Protein backbone atom coordinates (compact mmCIF):
# COMPACT_ATOMS: atom_id res chain seq x y z
CA MET A 1 5.76 19.24 -17.75
CA LYS A 2 8.34 18.59 -14.99
CA ILE A 3 7.12 16.56 -12.04
CA ALA A 4 9.04 15.64 -8.89
CA LEU A 5 7.70 12.61 -6.99
CA ILE A 6 8.92 12.24 -3.39
CA ASN A 7 8.85 8.92 -1.53
CA ARG A 8 11.00 7.35 1.13
CA SER A 9 12.20 4.51 -1.19
CA ASP A 10 12.07 3.55 -4.80
CA SER A 11 11.43 -0.15 -4.18
CA THR A 12 10.97 -1.03 -0.50
CA GLY A 13 7.29 -1.38 0.37
CA GLY A 14 4.09 -1.22 -1.62
CA ALA A 15 4.00 2.57 -1.81
CA ALA A 16 7.54 2.66 -3.22
CA VAL A 17 6.65 0.12 -5.92
CA VAL A 18 3.52 1.93 -7.10
CA THR A 19 5.18 5.39 -6.91
CA TYR A 20 8.05 4.14 -9.07
CA ARG A 21 5.50 2.67 -11.49
CA LEU A 22 3.69 6.01 -11.57
CA MET A 23 6.88 7.82 -12.42
CA GLN A 24 7.51 5.39 -15.32
CA ALA A 25 3.95 5.80 -16.51
CA LEU A 26 4.15 9.61 -16.43
CA ARG A 27 7.38 9.48 -18.44
CA ALA A 28 5.75 7.18 -20.97
CA GLU A 29 3.09 9.85 -21.47
CA GLY A 30 5.72 12.51 -22.19
CA ALA A 31 6.16 14.14 -18.74
CA ASP A 32 9.63 14.79 -17.37
CA ALA A 33 8.91 12.87 -14.11
CA ARG A 34 11.64 12.23 -11.63
CA MET A 35 11.68 10.57 -8.20
CA LEU A 36 13.48 11.79 -5.04
CA VAL A 37 14.04 9.16 -2.34
CA LEU A 38 16.04 8.60 0.83
CA GLU A 39 16.65 4.96 -0.07
CA LYS A 40 17.63 4.28 -3.69
CA LEU A 41 17.94 0.64 -4.63
CA THR A 42 17.31 0.78 -8.43
CA ASP A 43 19.84 2.01 -10.95
CA ASP A 44 17.26 4.20 -12.72
CA PRO A 45 18.89 7.59 -13.64
CA HIS A 46 15.52 9.28 -13.15
CA VAL A 47 15.64 8.41 -9.41
CA ILE A 48 18.00 10.33 -7.13
CA SER A 49 18.72 9.82 -3.50
CA TYR A 50 18.84 12.91 -1.26
CA ALA A 51 20.17 10.85 1.64
CA ASN A 52 22.69 12.20 4.15
CA PRO A 53 23.66 9.20 6.30
CA ILE A 54 24.44 11.20 9.45
CA ALA A 55 21.38 13.49 9.28
CA ASP A 56 19.04 10.68 8.26
CA LYS A 57 20.20 8.40 11.09
CA TYR A 58 19.69 11.21 13.61
CA ASN A 59 16.20 11.98 12.20
CA PHE A 60 15.18 8.34 12.31
CA ILE A 61 16.45 7.72 15.84
CA ALA A 62 15.13 11.04 17.22
CA GLU A 63 11.60 10.34 15.92
CA ARG A 64 11.53 6.74 17.07
CA TRP A 65 12.83 7.74 20.53
CA ASN A 66 10.14 10.38 20.85
CA ILE A 67 7.46 7.85 19.94
CA PHE A 68 9.03 5.24 22.31
CA LEU A 69 8.90 7.72 25.21
CA HIS A 70 5.22 8.41 24.60
CA ASN A 71 3.86 4.97 23.74
CA GLY A 72 4.61 3.32 27.05
CA PHE A 73 7.99 2.00 25.84
CA SER A 74 6.22 -0.44 23.50
CA ARG A 75 8.51 -1.93 20.88
CA ALA A 76 5.47 -3.66 19.37
CA ASN A 77 3.95 -0.30 18.43
CA LEU A 78 7.11 1.54 17.59
CA PHE A 79 6.47 1.47 13.85
CA LYS A 80 2.67 1.66 14.03
CA ALA A 81 2.87 5.43 14.31
CA ASP A 82 4.76 8.35 12.76
CA ILE A 83 4.93 11.96 13.91
CA ALA A 84 7.00 13.59 11.16
CA ASN A 85 8.83 15.89 13.52
CA HIS A 86 12.16 15.16 11.80
CA GLY A 87 12.94 15.01 8.10
CA ARG A 88 14.80 16.55 5.24
CA ASN A 89 14.19 20.01 3.71
CA LEU A 90 13.91 19.59 -0.05
CA ALA A 91 12.79 23.03 -1.02
CA ARG A 92 16.30 23.90 -2.25
CA HIS A 93 16.89 20.67 -4.16
CA LYS A 94 17.51 21.29 -7.85
CA TRP A 95 14.88 18.81 -9.02
CA VAL A 96 12.30 20.35 -6.69
CA LYS A 97 13.09 23.90 -7.78
CA GLU A 98 12.84 22.91 -11.46
CA ALA A 99 9.58 21.01 -11.08
CA ASP A 100 6.23 22.43 -12.22
CA VAL A 101 4.34 20.04 -9.90
CA LEU A 102 5.37 18.30 -6.71
CA MET A 103 3.89 14.91 -5.80
CA LEU A 104 4.23 13.65 -2.24
CA ASN A 105 3.72 9.97 -1.60
CA TRP A 106 4.81 7.92 1.46
CA ILE A 107 7.06 10.39 3.27
CA ASN A 108 7.43 8.96 6.77
CA GLN A 109 10.36 7.62 8.84
CA GLY A 110 12.54 10.66 8.23
CA ALA A 111 11.78 11.30 4.54
CA LEU A 112 9.96 14.58 5.19
CA SER A 113 8.80 16.38 8.30
CA LEU A 114 5.59 18.39 8.52
CA HIS A 115 7.75 21.53 8.55
CA ALA A 116 9.45 20.34 5.34
CA ILE A 117 6.03 19.75 3.72
CA GLU A 118 5.10 23.31 4.78
CA ARG A 119 8.19 24.60 2.95
CA LEU A 120 7.24 22.72 -0.24
CA CYS A 121 3.65 24.00 -0.08
CA SER A 122 4.97 27.55 0.26
CA MET A 123 6.94 27.41 -3.03
CA GLY A 124 3.94 28.45 -5.12
CA LYS A 125 3.79 25.17 -7.07
CA PRO A 126 0.85 22.70 -7.13
CA VAL A 127 1.45 20.03 -4.51
CA ILE A 128 -0.36 16.66 -4.86
CA TRP A 129 -0.27 14.28 -1.90
CA THR A 130 -1.11 10.70 -2.94
CA MET A 131 -2.29 8.81 0.15
CA HIS A 132 -1.25 5.19 0.41
CA ASP A 133 -2.66 4.77 3.87
CA MET A 134 -4.61 6.82 6.46
CA TRP A 135 -1.68 8.76 7.96
CA PRO A 136 -2.29 12.10 6.22
CA PHE A 137 -5.71 12.40 7.98
CA THR A 138 -5.12 10.70 11.34
CA GLY A 139 -3.04 11.83 14.25
CA VAL A 140 -0.14 9.41 14.10
CA CYS A 141 -1.39 6.04 12.83
CA HIS A 142 -1.23 4.53 9.36
CA HIS A 143 -4.28 2.36 9.90
CA ALA A 144 -6.88 3.39 12.42
CA LEU A 145 -8.34 -0.14 12.52
CA SER A 146 -11.67 0.16 14.41
CA CYS A 147 -10.84 3.54 15.91
CA GLY A 148 -12.88 6.47 14.71
CA GLU A 149 -11.21 9.27 16.63
CA TYR A 150 -9.69 10.70 13.45
CA LYS A 151 -13.21 11.92 12.61
CA HIS A 152 -13.10 14.22 15.63
CA VAL A 153 -10.12 14.77 17.97
CA CYS A 154 -7.42 12.06 18.15
CA ARG A 155 -6.86 11.04 21.77
CA GLY A 156 -6.36 7.87 23.72
CA CYS A 157 -4.49 6.40 20.78
CA GLN A 158 -4.15 2.61 20.85
CA PHE A 159 -0.59 2.99 19.63
CA MET A 160 0.33 5.61 22.21
CA GLY A 161 -0.51 3.83 25.44
CA GLY A 162 -4.14 4.93 25.58
CA MET A 163 -3.55 8.17 27.43
CA LYS A 164 -6.33 10.74 27.21
CA ALA A 165 -4.15 13.36 25.42
CA ASP A 166 -1.04 12.12 23.68
CA LEU A 167 1.09 12.59 20.55
CA SER A 168 -1.82 11.79 18.35
CA THR A 169 -3.64 14.88 19.64
CA THR A 170 -0.58 17.07 19.13
CA VAL A 171 0.28 15.84 15.64
CA GLN A 172 -3.32 16.05 14.45
CA ALA A 173 -3.39 19.68 15.55
CA GLN A 174 -0.12 20.31 13.68
CA LYS A 175 -1.56 18.78 10.50
CA SER A 176 -4.70 20.86 10.92
CA LYS A 177 -2.68 24.10 11.01
CA LEU A 178 -0.67 23.02 7.96
CA TYR A 179 -3.79 22.26 5.92
CA ALA A 180 -5.48 25.43 7.02
CA ARG A 181 -2.49 27.44 5.76
CA HIS A 182 -2.48 25.62 2.44
CA PRO A 183 -6.13 24.92 1.48
CA ASP A 184 -5.15 24.21 -2.13
CA LEU A 185 -3.04 21.20 -1.14
CA GLN A 186 -4.48 18.49 -3.37
CA PHE A 187 -5.02 14.98 -1.91
CA VAL A 188 -5.40 11.83 -3.98
CA ALA A 189 -6.73 8.64 -2.49
CA VAL A 190 -5.81 5.40 -4.26
CA SER A 191 -9.20 3.80 -3.52
CA ASN A 192 -12.80 4.89 -2.91
CA TRP A 193 -12.68 3.37 0.57
CA LEU A 194 -9.70 5.53 1.51
CA ALA A 195 -11.31 8.57 0.00
CA GLN A 196 -14.43 8.03 2.07
CA ARG A 197 -12.42 7.71 5.24
CA GLY A 198 -10.60 10.94 4.33
CA ARG A 199 -13.77 12.86 3.58
CA GLU A 200 -15.23 11.90 6.98
CA SER A 201 -12.07 12.93 8.80
CA ARG A 202 -11.63 16.09 10.76
CA LEU A 203 -8.52 17.03 8.78
CA LEU A 204 -9.59 16.50 5.17
CA HIS A 205 -13.35 17.03 5.07
CA ASN A 206 -12.82 20.50 3.55
CA MET A 207 -9.69 19.75 1.51
CA PRO A 208 -9.63 18.95 -2.24
CA LEU A 209 -9.58 15.15 -2.60
CA THR A 210 -9.98 12.91 -5.60
CA VAL A 211 -9.57 9.18 -6.36
CA ILE A 212 -6.95 7.87 -8.75
CA PRO A 213 -5.87 4.23 -8.38
CA ASN A 214 -2.34 2.92 -8.43
CA ALA A 215 -0.94 2.16 -11.88
CA ILE A 216 0.14 -1.21 -13.16
CA ASP A 217 1.82 -2.17 -16.43
CA ALA A 218 -0.76 -4.79 -17.26
CA ASP A 219 1.17 -5.96 -20.31
CA ALA A 220 4.08 -6.99 -18.08
CA PHE A 221 1.83 -9.54 -16.35
CA SER A 222 0.95 -12.39 -18.71
CA CYS A 223 -2.11 -14.47 -17.76
CA GLY A 224 -1.26 -17.92 -19.12
CA ARG A 225 -1.16 -20.66 -16.49
CA GLN A 226 2.28 -22.23 -16.16
CA GLN A 227 2.50 -25.98 -15.71
CA ASN A 228 5.59 -27.65 -14.23
CA GLY A 229 7.00 -24.28 -13.17
CA ASP A 230 10.16 -23.77 -11.05
CA LEU A 231 8.19 -23.88 -7.78
CA GLY A 232 7.92 -27.66 -8.16
CA ILE A 233 4.26 -27.94 -7.22
CA ALA A 234 2.29 -30.99 -8.38
CA ALA A 235 0.12 -30.36 -11.36
CA ASP A 236 -3.02 -31.60 -9.61
CA LYS A 237 -2.84 -28.96 -6.92
CA LYS A 238 -4.88 -25.76 -6.74
CA VAL A 239 -2.26 -23.16 -5.90
CA ILE A 240 -3.02 -20.16 -3.69
CA VAL A 241 -0.48 -17.31 -3.54
CA MET A 242 -0.22 -14.63 -0.89
CA GLY A 243 2.51 -12.04 -0.42
CA ALA A 244 3.48 -9.00 1.64
CA ALA A 245 6.61 -7.11 2.49
CA ARG A 246 6.29 -8.66 5.96
CA LEU A 247 3.83 -11.51 6.16
CA ASP A 248 3.42 -11.46 9.96
CA ASP A 249 2.75 -7.75 10.26
CA THR A 250 -0.44 -7.65 12.36
CA ILE A 251 -2.33 -5.72 9.68
CA LYS A 252 -1.70 -8.50 7.15
CA GLY A 253 -3.71 -10.99 9.19
CA PHE A 254 -1.37 -13.98 9.21
CA ASP A 255 -3.17 -15.25 12.32
CA LEU A 256 -6.40 -15.21 10.31
CA LEU A 257 -4.65 -17.15 7.51
CA ILE A 258 -3.53 -19.78 10.01
CA ASP A 259 -6.99 -20.16 11.45
CA ALA A 260 -8.61 -20.22 8.00
CA THR A 261 -6.31 -22.99 6.73
CA GLN A 262 -6.85 -25.00 9.89
CA HIS A 263 -10.55 -24.55 9.48
CA LEU A 264 -10.33 -25.87 5.89
CA HIS A 265 -8.21 -28.77 7.04
CA SER A 266 -10.74 -29.82 9.72
CA THR A 267 -14.01 -29.11 7.87
CA ARG A 268 -13.07 -29.71 4.21
CA PRO A 269 -10.21 -32.19 4.35
CA GLU A 270 -10.64 -33.37 0.74
CA LEU A 271 -10.45 -29.83 -0.51
CA ALA A 272 -7.55 -28.97 1.79
CA GLU A 273 -5.65 -31.94 0.36
CA ARG A 274 -5.96 -30.40 -3.12
CA LEU A 275 -4.64 -27.00 -2.10
CA HIS A 276 -1.10 -25.68 -1.91
CA LEU A 277 -0.22 -22.29 -0.42
CA VAL A 278 2.63 -20.24 -1.84
CA LEU A 279 3.90 -17.38 0.36
CA PHE A 280 6.30 -14.67 -0.51
CA GLY A 281 7.73 -11.90 1.69
CA ASN A 282 9.70 -11.70 4.89
CA ILE A 283 8.53 -13.27 8.10
CA ARG A 284 10.07 -12.67 11.54
CA ASP A 285 8.66 -15.74 13.25
CA ASN A 286 9.17 -18.72 10.97
CA SER A 287 7.45 -21.04 13.50
CA LEU A 288 4.13 -19.57 12.34
CA LEU A 289 4.53 -21.45 9.05
CA ASP A 290 4.32 -24.71 10.99
CA LYS A 291 0.81 -23.82 12.12
CA LEU A 292 -0.67 -23.64 8.65
CA GLY A 293 -3.24 -26.19 7.81
CA LEU A 294 -2.22 -26.56 4.16
CA THR A 295 0.91 -27.73 2.45
CA HIS A 296 2.94 -24.62 1.62
CA THR A 297 6.05 -23.16 0.08
CA HIS A 298 7.68 -19.98 1.53
CA ILE A 299 9.81 -18.19 -1.06
CA GLY A 300 11.02 -15.21 0.93
CA SER A 301 11.35 -11.66 -0.39
CA VAL A 302 10.61 -11.20 -4.09
CA LYS A 303 11.30 -8.07 -6.12
CA GLY A 304 10.73 -7.24 -9.74
CA THR A 305 7.82 -7.68 -12.08
CA LYS A 306 9.31 -10.70 -13.84
CA ALA A 307 9.81 -12.61 -10.54
CA LEU A 308 6.34 -11.76 -9.34
CA ALA A 309 4.65 -12.71 -12.65
CA ASN A 310 6.52 -16.02 -12.56
CA ILE A 311 4.95 -16.86 -9.22
CA TYR A 312 1.41 -15.69 -10.06
CA THR A 313 1.32 -17.65 -13.35
CA GLN A 314 1.93 -20.80 -11.34
CA ALA A 315 -1.09 -20.10 -9.18
CA ASP A 316 -4.88 -20.19 -9.48
CA VAL A 317 -5.90 -17.99 -6.55
CA VAL A 318 -4.38 -14.79 -5.13
CA LEU A 319 -5.23 -14.26 -1.47
CA SER A 320 -5.15 -11.37 0.98
CA THR A 321 -6.04 -11.80 4.65
CA SER A 322 -5.28 -8.18 5.54
CA ARG A 323 -7.56 -6.63 8.17
CA PHE A 324 -7.53 -3.37 6.24
CA GLU A 325 -6.02 -2.40 2.91
CA THR A 326 -6.09 0.76 0.85
CA LEU A 327 -5.65 -0.89 -2.59
CA PRO A 328 -3.74 -4.19 -2.19
CA GLY A 329 -1.21 -4.45 -4.98
CA THR A 330 -0.77 -8.22 -4.72
CA LEU A 331 -4.49 -8.70 -5.58
CA VAL A 332 -4.13 -6.45 -8.63
CA GLU A 333 -0.90 -8.17 -9.82
CA GLY A 334 -2.25 -11.67 -9.23
CA MET A 335 -5.48 -10.84 -11.01
CA ALA A 336 -3.49 -9.41 -13.96
CA CYS A 337 -1.87 -12.83 -14.19
CA GLY A 338 -5.26 -14.57 -14.19
CA CYS A 339 -5.50 -15.52 -10.52
CA ILE A 340 -8.90 -15.34 -8.84
CA PRO A 341 -8.67 -12.78 -6.03
CA VAL A 342 -9.99 -13.56 -2.51
CA ALA A 343 -10.00 -10.99 0.27
CA PHE A 344 -11.97 -9.41 3.05
CA ASP A 345 -14.33 -6.60 2.11
CA SER A 346 -12.52 -4.23 4.50
CA GLY A 347 -10.97 -1.51 2.34
CA GLY A 348 -10.09 -0.85 -1.21
CA GLN A 349 -10.55 -4.51 -2.17
CA SER A 350 -14.04 -3.67 -3.51
CA ASP A 351 -12.41 -1.41 -6.11
CA ILE A 352 -10.62 -4.48 -7.41
CA ILE A 353 -13.11 -7.33 -6.93
CA ASP A 354 -16.65 -7.73 -8.25
CA HIS A 355 -17.97 -10.23 -5.75
CA LEU A 356 -18.71 -13.70 -7.25
CA THR A 357 -17.94 -12.42 -10.74
CA THR A 358 -14.19 -11.62 -10.72
CA GLY A 359 -13.41 -12.91 -7.22
CA TYR A 360 -14.66 -13.20 -3.65
CA LEU A 361 -15.11 -10.58 -0.92
CA ALA A 362 -15.51 -12.10 2.50
CA PRO A 363 -18.11 -9.99 4.35
CA GLU A 364 -16.64 -10.36 7.80
CA VAL A 365 -13.02 -10.29 9.02
CA GLU A 366 -13.22 -13.85 10.34
CA PRO A 367 -11.21 -16.97 9.43
CA GLU A 368 -14.31 -18.90 8.49
CA ALA A 369 -15.38 -16.18 6.06
CA ILE A 370 -12.03 -16.19 4.23
CA ALA A 371 -12.04 -20.00 4.25
CA ASP A 372 -15.37 -19.90 2.46
CA GLY A 373 -13.79 -17.57 -0.07
CA ILE A 374 -10.83 -19.89 -0.67
CA ALA A 375 -13.21 -22.85 -1.16
CA TRP A 376 -15.34 -20.86 -3.65
CA ALA A 377 -12.32 -19.75 -5.63
CA ALA A 378 -10.82 -23.27 -5.67
CA ASN A 379 -13.94 -24.55 -7.39
CA ALA A 380 -14.69 -21.53 -9.59
CA THR A 381 -14.03 -21.39 -13.29
CA ILE A 382 -13.18 -17.84 -14.40
CA ASP A 383 -11.39 -17.07 -17.61
CA ARG A 384 -7.87 -15.85 -16.87
CA GLN A 385 -7.84 -13.50 -19.81
CA MET A 386 -11.02 -11.88 -18.55
CA LEU A 387 -9.39 -11.23 -15.17
CA HIS A 388 -6.35 -9.75 -16.88
CA ASP A 389 -8.49 -7.52 -19.07
CA THR A 390 -10.44 -6.28 -16.03
CA VAL A 391 -7.23 -5.10 -14.40
CA ALA A 392 -6.09 -3.44 -17.65
CA HIS A 393 -9.35 -1.60 -17.91
CA LYS A 394 -9.25 -0.30 -14.33
CA PHE A 395 -5.60 0.15 -13.52
CA ALA A 396 -3.54 0.29 -16.75
CA ALA A 397 -0.58 2.66 -16.38
CA PRO A 398 -1.44 4.95 -19.36
CA ILE A 399 -4.96 5.54 -18.02
CA VAL A 400 -3.75 6.35 -14.52
CA ALA A 401 -0.92 8.60 -15.79
CA ARG A 402 -3.32 10.62 -17.97
CA ARG A 403 -5.63 11.17 -15.04
CA TYR A 404 -2.71 12.53 -12.98
CA LEU A 405 -1.55 14.74 -15.88
CA GLN A 406 -5.07 16.14 -16.24
CA LEU A 407 -5.09 16.93 -12.53
CA CYS A 408 -1.71 18.60 -12.86
CA ASN A 409 -2.89 20.74 -15.76
CA ASN A 410 -6.03 21.73 -13.89
CA LEU A 411 -3.95 22.79 -10.83
CA LEU A 412 -1.43 24.71 -12.98
CA ASN A 413 -4.24 26.57 -14.74
CA GLU A 414 -5.59 27.66 -11.33
CA LYS A 415 -2.28 29.12 -10.25
């Protein structure tokens, strides 16, 4: 079976990482899976870039300018929304024409337009769209936060200046027409939380939708605890690790992390003294690090399974303070290395964590709630091998790949 996976990048961002892992997992199960991307950073021969520097720059600028004109000239919200009015047409690409099944993933910021998706859906091949956030069933946003307009008619978008009718209304209508013309377009949600949001949405409530989690090569993440590792952290410290592509992205809740660590420092000083926070990922405002209430190490951007595993195996707890997450990869990776996961119960985290058995789910998105979770995990004794085995049972690459291949076969048999 020939499968073409389409994503904006092969390694930048969480969706790129898990899409690349899925391609590898599908190949390991015997499928001829290949990946088409705008941005190619790996040297994998099974990944090809379809970039055209001039066209791609125009598409990117044109879309951002359109959003900028309609969002009240807000630079803060410039990348909170996508409208997919510009992108590349891949219907004539050799790998796409040869494929038996097409798999769309994160296709924004000029990777594909809605018109280009229409062209792909019109080729007569099964098309599977794996959702890594809410964008396929909202108007323009990737995370609706507390907004429920996607269930009805998107308007007054918080990322579009709050006007009664705005780009969110227009783009939602365009998606609605696309889905109506292609009712066999198959959607996959990477978590049960995301699937539930999709099923209650105006756009997807009648569309085929199933849940398949992101794949992880569990064997690549050893769970033994390193002592005297290269991070240079004292052996008597309980180490908490947290990572993101951009730590101070609003959705990642760095402000909540600051308040939680300060809360621990003021209310549990003895515990705070025993804790050390390790952060990886980019941060635009480095002054935020000075506000943390715990001793900390900031590593910067980290790529590659080996580098990530090296960090996790020097830690005891893996933390996420994200306000919303579809299926946070750092929690899965950290848990595969034996770290106790702590997060808010505000998304796909509940697919990963069994509260008070394999980790801690804070019931409210409040600093005090996540501080309680950190304190619980710092004093908990959970077998690292058991945590690793839990991840392998739920998210192991062969299991996930076989579920996708079964879906592909079912869709091909229906054609």
